[in-house]
Amino acid sequence: GDFFKLWQQTSQRMLGQDAAEVTQPDKGDARFNDPDWTHNPYFAYWKQAYLLTSKWATDSLAQTDGLDERTRAKAEFYMKQMLTAMSPTNYPGTNPEVIRETMRTQGANLVAGMSNLASDLAQSSGSTLKISQTDTSAFEIGRNVAVTPGKVVFQNDLLQLIQYTPTTDQVREVPFLIVPPWINKFYILDLTAQKSFIKYMVDQGFTTFVVSWVNPDEKLTHKTFEDYMKEGLLAATSAVQRECGVKKINILGYCIGGTLLATALAYLAGRGEDLYHSATFLVAQKDFTKAGELKIFIDDAQLEYIKKLMAEKGYLEGSRMATVFNMMRPKDLIWPYIVNNYMMGKKPIPFDLLYWNQDSTRMPAANHNFYLREFYHENKLALGKLKIGGVQLDLGKVKLPVFELATREDHISPPKSVFTGSKMFGGPVEFVLAGSGHIAGVVSPPGKTKYPYWRNRKPLSHPDNITLESWIAGAEEVKDSWWPHWIEWLTPYSGDKVSARKPGAKLGVIEDAPGSYVKMKA
């Protein structure tokens, strides 16, 4: 079949004849951009042999009967790791760029590569190699990332609360609190002035607060998911209420911060408490039935292993979570840097997003064990079986207006998973689907975004919106950032305009933004 055609084609090209390629890389596969992969018969052979082998292996797995959904997902994941590693781009003898560089520098690139590897080994913790993805010396938190002006106005063991300095004379009466994930640092929402979601909110005239989670050590090993809700999200809410002199606020939860927010809303609903005018969820899961590739790491054996691992130090090393996320996209986040750093002997270029990506955080044992088992493994929140603080949680009791964002290519919070969870609330839900993935689909500023979003004017409860596919079929595409649409949705819940508020006017100022917690290294 195709392999025989490849031999024929290669033989013809070796004899100087023209012959069409048997197979081509997928559009957007940057690994084979060098002209030699097409024009040199030797490299063209390796490229096509690899692509044909990858297709054969992938098709063989897809056609294998008798695999349950979980086993198939695990097999597909590890097959992806193996096939990505096998690419001829990853080996000095079959990569034309590495060969040319080695000849040009008389091997100095390989010497420099070993020096880069030694540096990465020195900064790695445990058994995991931390591969440099960017020039970390080019960035400093508070100097050229996380630079939106503000003040830390409250702190406890788990968080610092930042209130941002207003840029408008008047602001909306209802303040706004952002609860980011604690698996990463908050400044993904404040990378640069041009890409800052936080600055955008401030400039739109909202009194904006953000939670900056602590990077926990062994002293916080006992902190539970319930503690993160009560001493984290709810403590921050109380501080915002006191600082602004209001009874109710608006709130946003991003990723696991959104899972925490959904939990808190169900907890408050069960107690008959009402603290928020509206809630916004960005790529946040409530139902974990279709929770994507991360689920393959979650079974009883894996959970027991993670539990023992965390018992040693009282937390999960940040590098372990970072490695898991990198393994989801090995073609983009692992192998290009192995080739660039260790074979080409180059330093990675400065890139703010990858600086943030490498700035990992630890996870306290009690919280992380609970999250993995109760949410990912047993899906208790969606099933109505989760109990927190003595309250049986029911998302159907949450009646406040909800804005729900999913992104089309999200491998961490897949859109089907987010869509299913968004239908569990008991009030009105504005569901929006954005282009791209977990980060780029969220951090998508107006005028600079490459990605559209989709909206559907029928309510989520409409019979036409039973599945994500049927929702998309009835949706309209808008070639712009979703941010202005969200502001339009949020404004009616934000009250009248009042004079701009000075940060810390009531609670006092602890230190300048972005605070000290975000600067703690894992």
Protein backbone atom coordinates (compact mmCIF):
# COMPACT_ATOMS: atom_id res chain seq x y z
CA GLY A 1 0.00 0.00 0.00
CA ASP A 2 1.28 3.40 1.01
CA PHE A 3 4.62 2.08 2.30
CA PHE A 4 5.32 0.43 -1.08
CA LYS A 5 4.42 3.72 -2.81
CA LEU A 6 6.86 5.50 -0.48
CA TRP A 7 9.69 3.14 -1.46
CA GLN A 8 8.88 3.72 -5.13
CA GLN A 9 8.71 7.48 -4.71
CA THR A 10 11.97 7.60 -2.73
CA SER A 11 13.78 5.43 -5.32
CA GLN A 12 12.59 7.71 -8.13
CA ARG A 13 13.72 10.82 -6.29
CA MET A 14 17.12 9.28 -5.50
CA LEU A 15 17.53 8.85 -9.27
CA GLY A 16 16.73 12.52 -9.81
CA GLN A 17 13.16 12.05 -10.99
CA ASP A 18 10.16 14.04 -9.78
CA ALA A 19 7.58 12.14 -7.72
CA ALA A 20 4.60 13.34 -5.69
CA GLU A 21 4.70 12.82 -1.93
CA VAL A 22 2.62 9.94 -0.59
CA THR A 23 1.47 11.85 2.51
CA GLN A 24 1.63 15.36 3.95
CA PRO A 25 1.73 16.70 7.53
CA ASP A 26 -1.47 18.15 8.95
CA LYS A 27 -1.98 21.84 8.30
CA GLY A 28 -0.30 23.81 11.06
CA ASP A 29 2.23 21.07 11.95
CA ALA A 30 5.32 23.27 12.28
CA ARG A 31 7.74 20.39 12.85
CA PHE A 32 8.33 19.87 9.13
CA ASN A 33 8.57 23.50 7.98
CA ASP A 34 12.23 23.28 6.96
CA PRO A 35 12.47 23.01 3.11
CA ASP A 36 14.71 19.91 3.35
CA TRP A 37 11.77 17.87 4.68
CA THR A 38 10.22 18.33 1.22
CA HIS A 39 13.15 18.78 -1.19
CA ASN A 40 15.78 16.35 0.17
CA PRO A 41 14.81 12.70 -0.60
CA TYR A 42 16.49 11.40 2.59
CA PHE A 43 14.57 13.68 4.95
CA ALA A 44 11.37 13.46 2.86
CA TYR A 45 11.51 9.67 3.30
CA TRP A 46 11.85 9.90 7.08
CA LYS A 47 9.02 12.43 7.29
CA GLN A 48 6.61 10.35 5.22
CA ALA A 49 7.56 7.04 6.87
CA TYR A 50 6.85 8.62 10.25
CA LEU A 51 3.51 10.10 9.16
CA LEU A 52 2.37 6.80 7.61
CA THR A 53 3.42 4.83 10.70
CA SER A 54 1.61 7.30 12.96
CA LYS A 55 -1.57 7.02 10.88
CA TRP A 56 -1.38 3.22 10.86
CA ALA A 57 -0.91 3.06 14.65
CA THR A 58 -3.70 5.58 15.32
CA ASP A 59 -6.11 3.82 12.93
CA SER A 60 -5.28 0.40 14.41
CA LEU A 61 -6.16 1.62 17.89
CA ALA A 62 -9.37 3.27 16.66
CA GLN A 63 -10.45 -0.01 15.04
CA THR A 64 -9.69 -2.14 18.11
CA ASP A 65 -12.92 -3.52 19.56
CA GLY A 66 -13.69 -4.42 23.17
CA LEU A 67 -12.07 -1.43 24.88
CA ASP A 68 -14.08 0.50 27.45
CA GLU A 69 -14.05 4.31 27.18
CA ARG A 70 -11.45 4.79 29.93
CA THR A 71 -9.01 2.16 28.60
CA ARG A 72 -9.32 3.57 25.09
CA ALA A 73 -8.62 7.11 26.35
CA LYS A 74 -5.50 5.90 28.22
CA ALA A 75 -4.29 4.00 25.17
CA GLU A 76 -4.83 7.04 22.92
CA PHE A 77 -2.99 9.31 25.36
CA TYR A 78 0.08 7.10 25.69
CA MET A 79 0.04 6.35 21.96
CA LYS A 80 0.19 10.13 21.38
CA GLN A 81 3.20 10.40 23.72
CA MET A 82 5.02 7.57 21.94
CA LEU A 83 4.27 8.74 18.40
CA THR A 84 5.22 12.35 19.20
CA ALA A 85 8.53 11.14 20.68
CA MET A 86 9.23 9.02 17.56
CA SER A 87 9.16 11.98 15.17
CA PRO A 88 12.38 12.24 13.10
CA THR A 89 12.47 15.93 14.03
CA ASN A 90 13.51 14.84 17.55
CA TYR A 91 16.78 13.06 16.61
CA PRO A 92 20.04 14.73 15.51
CA GLY A 93 20.68 12.27 12.65
CA THR A 94 17.29 12.80 11.04
CA ASN A 95 16.73 16.53 11.62
CA PRO A 96 18.17 18.67 8.80
CA GLU A 97 18.33 21.82 10.93
CA VAL A 98 20.36 20.07 13.64
CA ILE A 99 22.72 18.53 11.08
CA ARG A 100 23.32 21.91 9.39
CA GLU A 101 23.88 23.64 12.73
CA THR A 102 26.30 20.91 13.87
CA MET A 103 28.34 21.27 10.68
CA ARG A 104 28.25 25.08 10.84
CA THR A 105 29.45 25.24 14.45
CA GLN A 106 31.65 22.11 14.29
CA GLY A 107 29.63 20.57 17.11
CA ALA A 108 29.59 23.61 19.39
CA ASN A 109 25.78 23.49 19.35
CA LEU A 110 25.82 20.05 20.98
CA VAL A 111 28.26 21.26 23.66
CA ALA A 112 26.00 24.26 24.34
CA GLY A 113 23.04 21.87 24.39
CA MET A 114 24.64 19.76 27.11
CA SER A 115 25.26 22.94 29.10
CA ASN A 116 21.58 23.88 28.72
CA LEU A 117 20.58 20.39 29.85
CA ALA A 118 22.83 20.66 32.91
CA SER A 119 21.20 24.00 33.80
CA ASP A 120 17.72 22.50 33.46
CA LEU A 121 18.69 19.49 35.59
CA ALA A 122 20.01 21.84 38.28
CA GLN A 123 16.70 23.72 38.48
CA SER A 124 14.56 20.55 38.38
CA SER A 125 13.06 19.04 41.50
CA GLY A 126 12.46 15.35 42.17
CA SER A 127 12.56 12.98 39.21
CA THR A 128 11.00 15.40 36.71
CA LEU A 129 13.16 17.31 34.22
CA LYS A 130 12.02 20.94 34.02
CA ILE A 131 12.69 21.85 30.39
CA SER A 132 13.18 25.59 29.89
CA GLN A 133 10.44 26.96 27.62
CA THR A 134 11.42 30.61 27.79
CA ASP A 135 14.14 32.94 29.00
CA THR A 136 12.89 33.43 32.56
CA SER A 137 15.49 36.13 33.26
CA ALA A 138 13.60 38.43 30.86
CA PHE A 139 10.61 38.68 33.20
CA GLU A 140 9.97 39.90 36.71
CA ILE A 141 6.58 39.81 38.42
CA GLY A 142 5.51 43.38 39.10
CA ARG A 143 8.03 44.85 36.63
CA ASN A 144 6.93 43.58 33.21
CA VAL A 145 4.21 41.03 34.04
CA ALA A 146 1.37 41.55 36.55
CA VAL A 147 1.81 45.32 36.38
CA THR A 148 -1.73 46.71 36.68
CA PRO A 149 -1.56 49.18 39.62
CA GLY A 150 -3.37 48.26 42.82
CA LYS A 151 -3.02 47.45 46.51
CA VAL A 152 -3.19 44.34 48.65
CA VAL A 153 -6.02 45.17 51.07
CA PHE A 154 -6.53 41.83 52.86
CA GLN A 155 -4.61 38.63 53.45
CA ASN A 156 -4.71 35.37 55.41
CA ASP A 157 -2.87 32.04 55.26
CA LEU A 158 -4.40 31.14 51.89
CA LEU A 159 -4.61 34.36 49.89
CA GLN A 160 -3.90 38.00 49.33
CA LEU A 161 -6.75 40.15 48.03
CA ILE A 162 -5.76 42.82 45.50
CA GLN A 163 -7.94 45.87 44.82
CA TYR A 164 -6.98 47.62 41.59
CA THR A 165 -6.58 51.38 41.22
CA PRO A 166 -9.45 52.90 39.21
CA THR A 167 -8.73 54.56 35.85
CA THR A 168 -12.18 56.17 35.52
CA ASP A 169 -13.75 58.98 37.58
CA GLN A 170 -16.85 56.89 38.14
CA VAL A 171 -17.30 53.16 38.64
CA ARG A 172 -20.18 50.74 38.85
CA GLU A 173 -21.62 50.49 42.34
CA VAL A 174 -21.33 46.68 42.52
CA PRO A 175 -17.71 45.55 42.94
CA PHE A 176 -16.28 42.59 41.06
CA LEU A 177 -14.21 39.71 42.49
CA ILE A 178 -12.09 37.35 40.35
CA VAL A 179 -11.26 33.88 41.76
CA PRO A 180 -8.50 32.31 39.63
CA PRO A 181 -7.27 28.71 39.86
CA TRP A 182 -4.70 27.89 42.56
CA ILE A 183 -3.06 25.37 40.22
CA ASN A 184 -1.47 28.38 38.44
CA LYS A 185 -0.87 32.02 39.32
CA PHE A 186 -3.45 34.74 38.78
CA TYR A 187 -1.39 36.92 36.46
CA ILE A 188 -2.41 34.95 33.36
CA LEU A 189 -5.22 37.54 33.56
CA ASP A 190 -2.65 40.37 33.83
CA LEU A 191 0.28 39.38 31.60
CA THR A 192 0.81 42.72 29.85
CA ALA A 193 -1.18 45.94 29.55
CA GLN A 194 -2.29 44.91 26.04
CA LYS A 195 -3.48 41.43 27.10
CA SER A 196 -4.71 42.13 30.63
CA PHE A 197 -8.27 41.02 31.40
CA ILE A 198 -7.92 42.75 34.77
CA LYS A 199 -6.87 46.10 33.24
CA TYR A 200 -9.73 45.81 30.74
CA MET A 201 -12.23 45.46 33.60
CA VAL A 202 -10.75 48.41 35.47
CA ASP A 203 -10.84 50.55 32.31
CA GLN A 204 -14.49 49.58 31.79
CA GLY A 205 -15.30 51.19 35.14
CA PHE A 206 -15.53 48.22 37.51
CA THR A 207 -14.08 48.17 41.03
CA THR A 208 -12.00 45.04 40.47
CA PHE A 209 -10.57 42.65 43.06
CA VAL A 210 -8.56 39.47 42.47
CA VAL A 211 -7.58 36.61 44.73
CA SER A 212 -3.84 35.86 44.70
CA TRP A 213 -3.49 32.37 46.18
CA VAL A 214 -0.56 31.43 48.38
CA ASN A 215 2.04 28.96 47.08
CA PRO A 216 1.51 26.46 49.93
CA ASP A 217 4.24 24.62 51.81
CA GLU A 218 4.15 21.79 54.36
CA LYS A 219 2.59 24.10 56.98
CA LEU A 220 -0.63 24.21 54.91
CA THR A 221 -0.85 20.48 54.13
CA HIS A 222 -4.05 20.18 56.21
CA LYS A 223 -5.96 22.87 54.30
CA THR A 224 -9.03 21.27 52.71
CA PHE A 225 -11.25 22.15 49.77
CA GLU A 226 -13.74 23.45 52.34
CA ASP A 227 -11.02 25.70 53.78
CA TYR A 228 -10.32 27.08 50.31
CA MET A 229 -14.04 27.84 50.05
CA LYS A 230 -14.48 29.40 53.51
CA GLU A 231 -11.05 30.97 54.16
CA GLY A 232 -10.49 31.63 50.46
CA LEU A 233 -13.46 32.54 48.28
CA LEU A 234 -15.91 33.45 51.06
CA ALA A 235 -13.30 35.34 53.11
CA ALA A 236 -12.38 37.35 50.01
CA THR A 237 -16.08 38.03 49.34
CA SER A 238 -16.52 39.31 52.89
CA ALA A 239 -13.47 41.57 52.54
CA VAL A 240 -14.83 43.05 49.29
CA GLN A 241 -18.21 43.68 50.95
CA ARG A 242 -16.53 45.46 53.87
CA GLU A 243 -14.17 47.49 51.71
CA CYS A 244 -16.95 48.71 49.40
CA GLY A 245 -19.80 48.87 51.92
CA VAL A 246 -22.13 46.65 49.89
CA LYS A 247 -24.18 43.55 50.71
CA LYS A 248 -23.84 41.79 47.34
CA ILE A 249 -21.11 41.66 44.71
CA ASN A 250 -20.45 40.09 41.30
CA ILE A 251 -17.99 37.21 41.10
CA LEU A 252 -16.00 35.24 38.50
CA GLY A 253 -14.35 31.81 38.79
CA TYR A 254 -11.70 30.64 36.30
CA CYS A 255 -10.98 26.91 35.79
CA ILE A 256 -10.78 25.21 39.22
CA GLY A 257 -11.62 28.62 40.72
CA GLY A 258 -14.95 28.20 38.93
CA THR A 259 -15.44 24.71 40.35
CA LEU A 260 -14.83 26.23 43.79
CA LEU A 261 -17.32 29.02 42.99
CA ALA A 262 -20.02 26.55 41.91
CA THR A 263 -19.45 24.63 45.15
CA ALA A 264 -19.71 27.84 47.20
CA LEU A 265 -22.89 28.94 45.41
CA ALA A 266 -24.56 25.57 46.09
CA TYR A 267 -23.37 25.74 49.71
CA LEU A 268 -24.81 29.26 50.16
CA ALA A 269 -28.07 28.29 48.41
CA GLY A 270 -28.42 25.35 50.79
CA ARG A 271 -28.05 27.76 53.72
CA GLY A 272 -30.40 30.35 52.22
CA GLU A 273 -27.62 32.95 51.87
CA ASP A 274 -27.40 35.37 48.94
CA LEU A 275 -24.08 37.19 48.43
CA TYR A 276 -23.89 37.71 44.66
CA HIS A 277 -25.85 39.51 41.95
CA SER A 278 -24.31 37.31 39.23
CA ALA A 279 -21.66 34.64 38.69
CA THR A 280 -19.32 34.23 35.71
CA PHE A 281 -17.56 30.94 34.95
CA LEU A 282 -14.57 30.74 32.61
CA VAL A 283 -13.75 27.21 31.35
CA ALA A 284 -14.92 25.77 34.67
CA GLN A 285 -16.20 22.23 35.12
CA LYS A 286 -19.07 21.19 37.37
CA ASP A 287 -19.80 17.81 35.77
CA PHE A 288 -16.68 15.66 35.28
CA THR A 289 -18.20 12.87 33.15
CA LYS A 290 -16.38 14.13 30.04
CA ALA A 291 -13.50 15.85 31.79
CA GLY A 292 -10.94 15.20 29.06
CA GLU A 293 -7.42 13.80 29.16
CA LEU A 294 -6.80 14.60 32.83
CA LYS A 295 -9.24 11.82 33.73
CA ILE A 296 -6.80 9.18 32.54
CA PHE A 297 -4.62 10.05 35.56
CA ILE A 298 -7.54 9.50 37.95
CA ASP A 299 -8.34 5.99 39.12
CA ASP A 300 -8.07 4.28 42.51
CA ALA A 301 -4.47 3.14 41.94
CA GLN A 302 -3.33 6.56 40.68
CA LEU A 303 -5.11 8.37 43.52
CA GLU A 304 -3.42 6.13 46.07
CA TYR A 305 -0.04 6.80 44.45
CA ILE A 306 -0.62 10.59 44.45
CA LYS A 307 -1.76 10.42 48.08
CA LYS A 308 1.47 8.64 49.12
CA LEU A 309 3.53 11.06 47.05
CA MET A 310 1.97 14.07 48.79
CA ALA A 311 2.26 12.46 52.23
CA GLU A 312 6.08 12.73 52.00
CA LYS A 313 6.14 16.56 51.91
CA GLY A 314 2.52 17.50 52.58
CA TYR A 315 1.97 18.88 49.09
CA LEU A 316 2.22 18.01 45.41
CA GLU A 317 5.25 19.54 43.72
CA GLY A 318 4.28 22.22 41.22
CA SER A 319 6.57 20.62 38.64
CA ARG A 320 4.44 17.47 38.59
CA MET A 321 1.27 19.31 37.61
CA ALA A 322 3.24 21.34 35.06
CA THR A 323 4.55 18.10 33.50
CA VAL A 324 1.02 16.67 33.25
CA PHE A 325 -0.20 19.80 31.43
CA ASN A 326 2.82 19.72 29.11
CA MET A 327 2.17 16.04 28.31
CA MET A 328 -1.26 16.98 26.99
CA ARG A 329 0.47 18.94 24.21
CA PRO A 330 3.89 17.26 23.78
CA LYS A 331 4.21 18.40 20.16
CA ASP A 332 4.03 22.05 21.29
CA LEU A 333 5.28 22.11 24.89
CA ILE A 334 7.94 19.38 25.21
CA TRP A 335 9.76 18.29 22.05
CA PRO A 336 10.35 21.68 20.35
CA TYR A 337 12.28 22.76 23.45
CA ILE A 338 14.29 19.53 23.64
CA VAL A 339 15.38 20.12 20.04
CA ASN A 340 15.96 23.88 20.43
CA ASN A 341 17.73 23.76 23.81
CA TYR A 342 19.70 20.50 23.77
CA MET A 343 20.37 19.83 20.06
CA MET A 344 20.47 23.27 18.46
CA GLY A 345 22.18 24.60 21.62
CA LYS A 346 20.03 27.71 21.71
CA LYS A 347 18.39 29.49 24.61
CA PRO A 348 14.60 29.72 24.40
CA ILE A 349 13.25 33.15 23.47
CA PRO A 350 11.42 35.36 26.01
CA PHE A 351 7.66 34.72 25.93
CA ASP A 352 5.39 36.02 28.71
CA LEU A 353 2.80 33.23 28.39
CA LEU A 354 5.44 30.51 28.73
CA TYR A 355 7.05 32.36 31.65
CA TRP A 356 3.68 32.13 33.42
CA ASN A 357 3.33 28.49 32.32
CA GLN A 358 6.64 27.61 34.02
CA ASP A 359 5.83 29.56 37.19
CA SER A 360 4.10 26.58 38.79
CA THR A 361 2.53 26.26 42.24
CA ARG A 362 2.31 23.52 44.83
CA MET A 363 -0.96 21.87 45.93
CA PRO A 364 -1.72 21.11 49.61
CA ALA A 365 -2.35 17.40 50.16
CA ALA A 366 -5.78 17.51 51.83
CA ASN A 367 -7.28 19.87 49.24
CA HIS A 368 -5.82 18.10 46.20
CA ASN A 369 -6.79 14.60 47.38
CA PHE A 370 -10.38 15.78 47.94
CA TYR A 371 -10.58 17.56 44.58
CA LEU A 372 -9.29 14.60 42.57
CA ARG A 373 -11.43 12.00 44.32
CA GLU A 374 -14.72 13.82 45.00
CA PHE A 375 -14.91 15.82 41.75
CA TYR A 376 -12.87 14.07 39.06
CA HIS A 377 -13.19 10.44 40.14
CA GLU A 378 -16.63 10.28 41.75
CA ASN A 379 -18.30 13.35 40.15
CA LYS A 380 -20.19 14.03 43.38
CA LEU A 381 -21.03 17.69 42.75
CA ALA A 382 -22.93 16.90 39.54
CA LEU A 383 -24.62 13.88 41.10
CA GLY A 384 -25.85 15.90 44.10
CA LYS A 385 -23.85 13.68 46.47
CA LEU A 386 -21.26 16.20 47.65
CA LYS A 387 -21.48 17.45 51.22
CA ILE A 388 -19.50 20.52 52.34
CA GLY A 389 -19.75 22.13 55.77
CA GLY A 390 -22.71 19.90 56.61
CA VAL A 391 -24.68 21.04 53.53
CA GLN A 392 -25.79 18.64 50.79
CA LEU A 393 -25.00 20.52 47.58
CA ASP A 394 -27.57 20.95 44.82
CA LEU A 395 -26.63 23.19 41.86
CA GLY A 396 -30.31 23.35 40.91
CA LYS A 397 -30.87 25.60 43.95
CA VAL A 398 -28.48 28.19 42.49
CA LYS A 399 -30.89 30.68 40.89
CA LEU A 400 -28.73 33.76 40.23
CA PRO A 401 -27.85 34.82 36.64
CA VAL A 402 -24.85 32.89 35.29
CA PHE A 403 -22.47 33.60 32.39
CA GLU A 404 -20.67 30.48 31.21
CA LEU A 405 -17.68 30.48 28.83
CA ALA A 406 -16.29 27.35 27.17
CA THR A 407 -13.56 27.23 24.50
CA ARG A 408 -13.69 24.97 21.45
CA GLU A 409 -10.23 23.39 21.69
CA ASP A 410 -9.93 23.17 25.48
CA HIS A 411 -8.12 19.96 26.50
CA ILE A 412 -8.37 20.69 30.25
CA SER A 413 -12.05 21.73 30.52
CA PRO A 414 -13.54 20.32 27.30
CA PRO A 415 -16.50 22.31 25.92
CA LYS A 416 -18.87 19.33 26.18
CA SER A 417 -18.01 19.03 29.87
CA VAL A 418 -18.54 22.75 30.53
CA PHE A 419 -21.80 22.72 28.54
CA THR A 420 -23.20 19.78 30.54
CA GLY A 421 -22.33 21.46 33.85
CA SER A 422 -23.84 24.79 32.82
CA LYS A 423 -27.26 23.14 32.40
CA MET A 424 -27.33 22.16 36.09
CA PHE A 425 -28.00 25.63 37.48
CA GLY A 426 -31.54 26.59 38.43
CA GLY A 427 -31.46 30.13 37.02
CA PRO A 428 -30.81 31.86 33.67
CA VAL A 429 -27.53 30.88 31.98
CA GLU A 430 -25.83 32.78 29.16
CA PHE A 431 -23.58 30.17 27.50
CA VAL A 432 -20.87 31.39 25.12
CA LEU A 433 -18.35 29.35 23.14
CA ALA A 434 -15.03 30.97 22.21
CA GLY A 435 -12.42 29.88 19.71
CA SER A 436 -9.03 28.38 20.71
CA GLY A 437 -8.32 26.76 24.07
CA HIS A 438 -8.04 27.01 27.86
CA ILE A 439 -5.77 30.08 27.87
CA ALA A 440 -5.84 31.80 24.45
CA GLY A 441 -9.62 31.46 24.23
CA VAL A 442 -9.99 33.29 27.56
CA VAL A 443 -7.21 35.87 27.22
CA SER A 444 -8.61 37.21 23.96
CA PRO A 445 -8.69 41.04 24.07
CA PRO A 446 -10.80 43.13 21.68
CA GLY A 447 -9.02 44.28 18.54
CA LYS A 448 -6.16 41.84 19.10
CA THR A 449 -7.92 38.49 19.09
CA LYS A 450 -7.55 35.95 16.30
CA TYR A 451 -10.49 33.96 17.59
CA PRO A 452 -14.26 34.46 17.19
CA TYR A 453 -16.96 33.45 19.63
CA TRP A 454 -20.40 31.88 19.22
CA ARG A 455 -23.64 32.87 20.93
CA ASN A 456 -27.13 31.39 20.75
CA ARG A 457 -30.11 33.66 21.39
CA LYS A 458 -32.34 30.79 22.54
CA PRO A 459 -32.13 30.06 26.29
CA LEU A 460 -29.96 27.14 27.34
CA SER A 461 -33.09 25.32 28.56
CA HIS A 462 -34.64 25.43 25.04
CA PRO A 463 -35.32 21.96 23.51
CA ASP A 464 -33.04 22.89 20.58
CA ASN A 465 -30.11 23.21 23.00
CA ILE A 466 -30.05 19.70 24.44
CA THR A 467 -26.48 18.96 23.24
CA LEU A 468 -23.49 21.18 22.52
CA GLU A 469 -23.70 20.15 18.86
CA SER A 470 -27.33 21.29 18.58
CA TRP A 471 -26.46 24.50 20.44
CA ILE A 472 -23.65 25.23 17.93
CA ALA A 473 -26.00 24.48 15.02
CA GLY A 474 -28.30 27.27 16.21
CA ALA A 475 -25.53 29.71 17.19
CA GLU A 476 -24.20 32.76 15.38
CA GLU A 477 -20.48 33.38 14.94
CA VAL A 478 -19.11 36.77 16.02
CA LYS A 479 -15.65 37.65 14.71
CA ASP A 480 -14.48 39.52 17.78
CA SER A 481 -13.46 39.02 21.40
CA TRP A 482 -16.16 37.73 23.76
CA TRP A 483 -15.10 40.36 26.36
CA PRO A 484 -17.42 43.22 25.17
CA HIS A 485 -20.39 40.83 24.94
CA TRP A 486 -19.70 39.73 28.51
CA ILE A 487 -19.46 43.35 29.76
CA GLU A 488 -22.82 44.00 28.07
CA TRP A 489 -24.25 40.99 29.94
CA LEU A 490 -22.68 42.01 33.27
CA THR A 491 -23.62 45.71 33.30
CA PRO A 492 -27.32 45.29 34.29
CA TYR A 493 -26.19 43.44 37.45
CA SER A 494 -23.60 46.10 38.34
CA GLY A 495 -25.72 48.97 39.67
CA ASP A 496 -25.53 52.70 39.04
CA LYS A 497 -22.36 54.73 38.69
CA VAL A 498 -20.67 56.05 41.84
CA SER A 499 -17.43 57.92 42.50
CA ALA A 500 -14.32 55.82 41.95
CA ARG A 501 -13.05 54.02 45.06
CA LYS A 502 -9.53 54.40 46.40
CA PRO A 503 -8.02 50.94 47.15
CA GLY A 504 -7.89 50.11 50.85
CA ALA A 505 -9.99 53.11 51.94
CA LYS A 506 -11.64 51.00 54.66
CA LEU A 507 -9.49 47.87 55.09
CA GLY A 508 -6.16 49.67 54.77
CA VAL A 509 -3.22 48.89 52.48
CA ILE A 510 -0.84 45.99 53.20
CA GLU A 511 1.46 46.39 50.17
CA ASP A 512 1.44 47.30 46.49
CA ALA A 513 0.04 44.95 43.85
CA PRO A 514 0.81 42.30 42.77
CA GLY A 515 1.72 41.46 46.38
CA SER A 516 4.23 38.99 47.79
CA TYR A 517 2.28 35.69 47.60
CA VAL A 518 2.46 35.59 43.80
CA LYS A 519 6.26 35.92 43.95
CA MET A 520 6.72 32.73 46.00
CA LYS A 521 8.46 30.11 43.84
CA ALA A 522 7.56 26.40 43.83
